[in-house]
Amino acid sequence: MSAKKSVTNQKVEVRIAITNISSELAFECPSSVDEIRSAVTLTLSSGSPLVLSDIRGREIIVPSDKIGFVEIGEQAERRVGFGTV
């Protein structure tokens, strides 16, 4: 049994700020950071909606003109115990 997570089980945390709305969309996405970055870049350059899926298979669709910012980050490993960082 291995303690390492497999690469196929990787999740990426995504936060999207919507203009004129105080809260953000936050979800975990099964896509890679590069795939999400290219989808956001294509959306912003073409004006088409941003379409991403979360880990439960739901689709998130955001109009390109409503995107304030997109934060993409790999999920941090949760630490257990009282050890120092």
N, C-alpha and C. Protein backbone atom coordinates (compact mmCIF):
# COMPACT_ATOMS: atom_id res chain seq x y z
N MET A 1 0.85 -1.17 0.00
CA MET A 1 0.00 0.00 0.00
C MET A 1 0.89 1.23 0.00
N SER A 2 0.58 2.18 -0.86
CA SER A 2 1.38 3.38 -1.01
C SER A 2 0.68 4.58 -0.38
N ALA A 3 1.43 5.45 0.24
CA ALA A 3 0.86 6.64 0.87
C ALA A 3 0.71 7.79 -0.12
N LYS A 4 1.33 7.67 -1.29
CA LYS A 4 1.25 8.74 -2.27
C LYS A 4 -0.08 8.69 -3.01
N LYS A 5 -0.59 9.88 -3.34
CA LYS A 5 -1.81 9.96 -4.14
C LYS A 5 -1.44 9.78 -5.60
N SER A 6 -2.32 9.15 -6.35
CA SER A 6 -2.06 8.98 -7.77
C SER A 6 -2.30 10.29 -8.50
N VAL A 7 -1.67 10.46 -9.63
CA VAL A 7 -1.79 11.68 -10.41
C VAL A 7 -3.20 11.81 -10.98
N THR A 8 -3.87 10.68 -11.28
CA THR A 8 -5.21 10.74 -11.85
C THR A 8 -6.23 11.18 -10.83
N ASN A 9 -5.90 11.12 -9.55
CA ASN A 9 -6.83 11.51 -8.49
C ASN A 9 -6.59 12.96 -8.07
N GLN A 10 -5.78 13.69 -8.82
CA GLN A 10 -5.43 15.06 -8.50
C GLN A 10 -6.64 15.98 -8.67
N LYS A 11 -6.83 16.89 -7.72
CA LYS A 11 -7.89 17.88 -7.80
C LYS A 11 -7.25 19.26 -7.75
N VAL A 12 -7.85 20.19 -8.46
CA VAL A 12 -7.36 21.55 -8.49
C VAL A 12 -8.45 22.45 -7.94
N GLU A 13 -8.08 23.32 -7.01
CA GLU A 13 -9.04 24.27 -6.46
C GLU A 13 -9.14 25.47 -7.39
N VAL A 14 -10.38 25.89 -7.68
CA VAL A 14 -10.63 27.02 -8.57
C VAL A 14 -11.54 28.00 -7.86
N ARG A 15 -11.17 29.28 -7.90
CA ARG A 15 -12.02 30.36 -7.38
C ARG A 15 -12.23 31.35 -8.51
N ILE A 16 -13.49 31.70 -8.74
CA ILE A 16 -13.83 32.66 -9.79
C ILE A 16 -14.62 33.79 -9.17
N ALA A 17 -14.13 35.01 -9.33
CA ALA A 17 -14.86 36.19 -8.86
C ALA A 17 -15.75 36.67 -9.99
N ILE A 18 -17.00 36.93 -9.66
CA ILE A 18 -17.98 37.43 -10.62
C ILE A 18 -18.17 38.92 -10.37
N THR A 19 -18.13 39.73 -11.43
CA THR A 19 -18.28 41.17 -11.26
C THR A 19 -19.67 41.50 -10.73
N ASN A 20 -19.73 42.50 -9.86
CA ASN A 20 -20.96 43.00 -9.23
C ASN A 20 -21.61 41.99 -8.29
N ILE A 21 -20.88 40.96 -7.87
CA ILE A 21 -21.38 39.99 -6.90
C ILE A 21 -20.31 39.84 -5.82
N SER A 22 -20.71 39.92 -4.57
CA SER A 22 -19.72 39.93 -3.49
C SER A 22 -19.10 38.56 -3.20
N SER A 23 -19.80 37.49 -3.48
CA SER A 23 -19.24 36.17 -3.20
C SER A 23 -18.54 35.61 -4.45
N GLU A 24 -17.74 34.58 -4.25
CA GLU A 24 -17.00 33.95 -5.33
C GLU A 24 -17.48 32.53 -5.54
N LEU A 25 -17.25 32.00 -6.73
CA LEU A 25 -17.48 30.59 -6.99
C LEU A 25 -16.21 29.86 -6.58
N ALA A 26 -16.33 28.85 -5.76
CA ALA A 26 -15.18 28.06 -5.35
C ALA A 26 -15.55 26.58 -5.47
N PHE A 27 -14.70 25.84 -6.18
CA PHE A 27 -14.98 24.42 -6.39
C PHE A 27 -13.68 23.69 -6.72
N GLU A 28 -13.73 22.36 -6.65
CA GLU A 28 -12.59 21.53 -7.00
C GLU A 28 -12.84 20.97 -8.39
N CYS A 29 -11.82 21.03 -9.22
CA CYS A 29 -11.94 20.64 -10.62
C CYS A 29 -10.98 19.47 -10.89
N PRO A 30 -11.43 18.45 -11.64
CA PRO A 30 -10.54 17.32 -11.94
C PRO A 30 -9.54 17.62 -13.05
N SER A 31 -9.67 18.75 -13.74
CA SER A 31 -8.75 19.12 -14.82
C SER A 31 -7.42 19.59 -14.26
N SER A 32 -6.41 19.62 -15.12
CA SER A 32 -5.09 20.08 -14.68
C SER A 32 -5.06 21.61 -14.69
N VAL A 33 -4.05 22.17 -14.04
CA VAL A 33 -3.87 23.62 -13.99
C VAL A 33 -3.73 24.18 -15.40
N ASP A 34 -2.96 23.50 -16.24
CA ASP A 34 -2.75 23.97 -17.62
C ASP A 34 -4.05 23.95 -18.42
N GLU A 35 -4.88 22.93 -18.25
CA GLU A 35 -6.15 22.85 -18.96
C GLU A 35 -7.08 23.98 -18.54
N ILE A 36 -7.12 24.27 -17.25
CA ILE A 36 -7.98 25.35 -16.75
C ILE A 36 -7.47 26.69 -17.25
N ARG A 37 -6.15 26.90 -17.18
CA ARG A 37 -5.55 28.15 -17.64
C ARG A 37 -5.86 28.38 -19.12
N SER A 38 -5.74 27.35 -19.95
CA SER A 38 -6.01 27.53 -21.38
C SER A 38 -7.49 27.79 -21.63
N ALA A 39 -8.39 27.16 -20.86
CA ALA A 39 -9.83 27.42 -21.00
C ALA A 39 -10.16 28.86 -20.64
N VAL A 40 -9.55 29.38 -19.58
CA VAL A 40 -9.79 30.76 -19.16
C VAL A 40 -9.23 31.72 -20.21
N THR A 41 -8.03 31.47 -20.70
CA THR A 41 -7.42 32.33 -21.71
C THR A 41 -8.26 32.36 -22.99
N LEU A 42 -8.72 31.21 -23.44
CA LEU A 42 -9.56 31.13 -24.62
C LEU A 42 -10.87 31.88 -24.42
N THR A 43 -11.46 31.73 -23.24
CA THR A 43 -12.71 32.42 -22.92
C THR A 43 -12.54 33.93 -22.97
N LEU A 44 -11.48 34.43 -22.35
CA LEU A 44 -11.26 35.87 -22.30
C LEU A 44 -10.93 36.45 -23.67
N SER A 45 -10.23 35.69 -24.50
CA SER A 45 -9.87 36.21 -25.82
C SER A 45 -11.01 36.10 -26.82
N SER A 46 -11.86 35.09 -26.70
CA SER A 46 -12.93 34.88 -27.69
C SER A 46 -14.27 35.49 -27.27
N GLY A 47 -14.44 35.72 -25.96
CA GLY A 47 -15.71 36.24 -25.48
C GLY A 47 -16.77 35.18 -25.26
N SER A 48 -16.40 33.91 -25.43
CA SER A 48 -17.35 32.82 -25.18
C SER A 48 -17.40 32.51 -23.68
N PRO A 49 -18.46 31.87 -23.20
CA PRO A 49 -18.56 31.56 -21.77
C PRO A 49 -17.48 30.57 -21.31
N LEU A 50 -17.08 30.71 -20.06
CA LEU A 50 -16.15 29.76 -19.44
C LEU A 50 -16.97 28.58 -18.94
N VAL A 51 -16.61 27.38 -19.38
CA VAL A 51 -17.32 26.18 -18.97
C VAL A 51 -16.32 25.23 -18.34
N LEU A 52 -16.51 24.95 -17.04
CA LEU A 52 -15.67 24.01 -16.30
C LEU A 52 -16.57 23.02 -15.58
N SER A 53 -16.03 21.86 -15.25
CA SER A 53 -16.77 20.86 -14.49
C SER A 53 -16.12 20.70 -13.12
N ASP A 54 -16.95 20.43 -12.10
CA ASP A 54 -16.39 20.15 -10.78
C ASP A 54 -16.18 18.65 -10.62
N ILE A 55 -15.68 18.23 -9.46
CA ILE A 55 -15.35 16.82 -9.25
C ILE A 55 -16.59 15.94 -9.17
N ARG A 56 -17.76 16.53 -9.01
CA ARG A 56 -19.00 15.76 -8.96
C ARG A 56 -19.69 15.68 -10.33
N GLY A 57 -19.05 16.28 -11.34
CA GLY A 57 -19.59 16.22 -12.69
C GLY A 57 -20.54 17.36 -13.04
N ARG A 58 -20.74 18.30 -12.14
CA ARG A 58 -21.61 19.45 -12.44
C ARG A 58 -20.84 20.45 -13.29
N GLU A 59 -21.54 21.13 -14.20
CA GLU A 59 -20.91 22.14 -15.04
C GLU A 59 -21.10 23.53 -14.46
N ILE A 60 -20.04 24.31 -14.49
CA ILE A 60 -20.09 25.70 -14.06
C ILE A 60 -19.87 26.53 -15.32
N ILE A 61 -20.83 27.41 -15.62
CA ILE A 61 -20.76 28.25 -16.82
C ILE A 61 -20.79 29.71 -16.38
N VAL A 62 -19.77 30.47 -16.78
CA VAL A 62 -19.67 31.88 -16.41
C VAL A 62 -19.46 32.70 -17.68
N PRO A 63 -20.30 33.71 -17.90
CA PRO A 63 -20.09 34.58 -19.07
C PRO A 63 -18.73 35.29 -18.96
N SER A 64 -18.03 35.39 -20.08
CA SER A 64 -16.67 35.95 -20.06
C SER A 64 -16.63 37.39 -19.58
N ASP A 65 -17.67 38.18 -19.88
CA ASP A 65 -17.66 39.58 -19.47
C ASP A 65 -17.97 39.78 -18.00
N LYS A 66 -18.31 38.72 -17.28
CA LYS A 66 -18.61 38.80 -15.85
C LYS A 66 -17.46 38.29 -14.98
N ILE A 67 -16.38 37.80 -15.58
CA ILE A 67 -15.26 37.25 -14.82
C ILE A 67 -14.41 38.39 -14.27
N GLY A 68 -14.29 38.44 -12.93
CA GLY A 68 -13.43 39.41 -12.28
C GLY A 68 -12.00 38.90 -12.21
N PHE A 69 -11.82 37.71 -11.67
CA PHE A 69 -10.53 37.04 -11.67
C PHE A 69 -10.75 35.54 -11.50
N VAL A 70 -9.75 34.77 -11.86
CA VAL A 70 -9.77 33.33 -11.68
C VAL A 70 -8.51 32.95 -10.94
N GLU A 71 -8.67 32.26 -9.82
CA GLU A 71 -7.53 31.78 -9.05
C GLU A 71 -7.48 30.27 -9.19
N ILE A 72 -6.34 29.75 -9.62
CA ILE A 72 -6.17 28.32 -9.83
C ILE A 72 -5.04 27.85 -8.93
N GLY A 73 -5.28 26.81 -8.15
CA GLY A 73 -4.24 26.29 -7.28
C GLY A 73 -4.41 24.82 -7.02
N GLU A 74 -3.31 24.11 -6.93
CA GLU A 74 -3.37 22.70 -6.62
C GLU A 74 -3.77 22.53 -5.18
N GLN A 75 -4.52 21.50 -4.91
CA GLN A 75 -5.00 21.26 -3.57
C GLN A 75 -3.83 20.93 -2.65
N ALA A 76 -3.78 21.61 -1.52
CA ALA A 76 -2.70 21.38 -0.56
C ALA A 76 -2.96 20.11 0.23
N GLU A 77 -1.88 19.40 0.53
CA GLU A 77 -1.99 18.21 1.36
C GLU A 77 -2.38 18.64 2.77
N ARG A 78 -3.32 17.97 3.37
CA ARG A 78 -3.70 18.30 4.73
C ARG A 78 -2.73 17.62 5.69
N ARG A 79 -2.22 18.41 6.60
CA ARG A 79 -1.26 17.88 7.57
C ARG A 79 -2.00 17.50 8.86
N VAL A 80 -1.55 16.42 9.45
CA VAL A 80 -2.14 15.95 10.68
C VAL A 80 -1.04 15.95 11.74
N GLY A 81 -1.37 16.44 12.92
CA GLY A 81 -0.39 16.44 14.00
C GLY A 81 0.00 17.84 14.38
N PHE A 82 1.00 17.90 15.26
CA PHE A 82 1.44 19.17 15.80
C PHE A 82 2.85 19.53 15.36
N GLY A 83 3.34 18.93 14.29
CA GLY A 83 4.68 19.21 13.80
C GLY A 83 4.81 20.60 13.25
N THR A 84 6.04 21.09 13.17
CA THR A 84 6.26 22.42 12.61
C THR A 84 6.30 22.33 11.10
N VAL A 85 6.05 23.46 10.48
CA VAL A 85 6.00 23.51 9.02
C VAL A 85 7.36 23.63 8.43
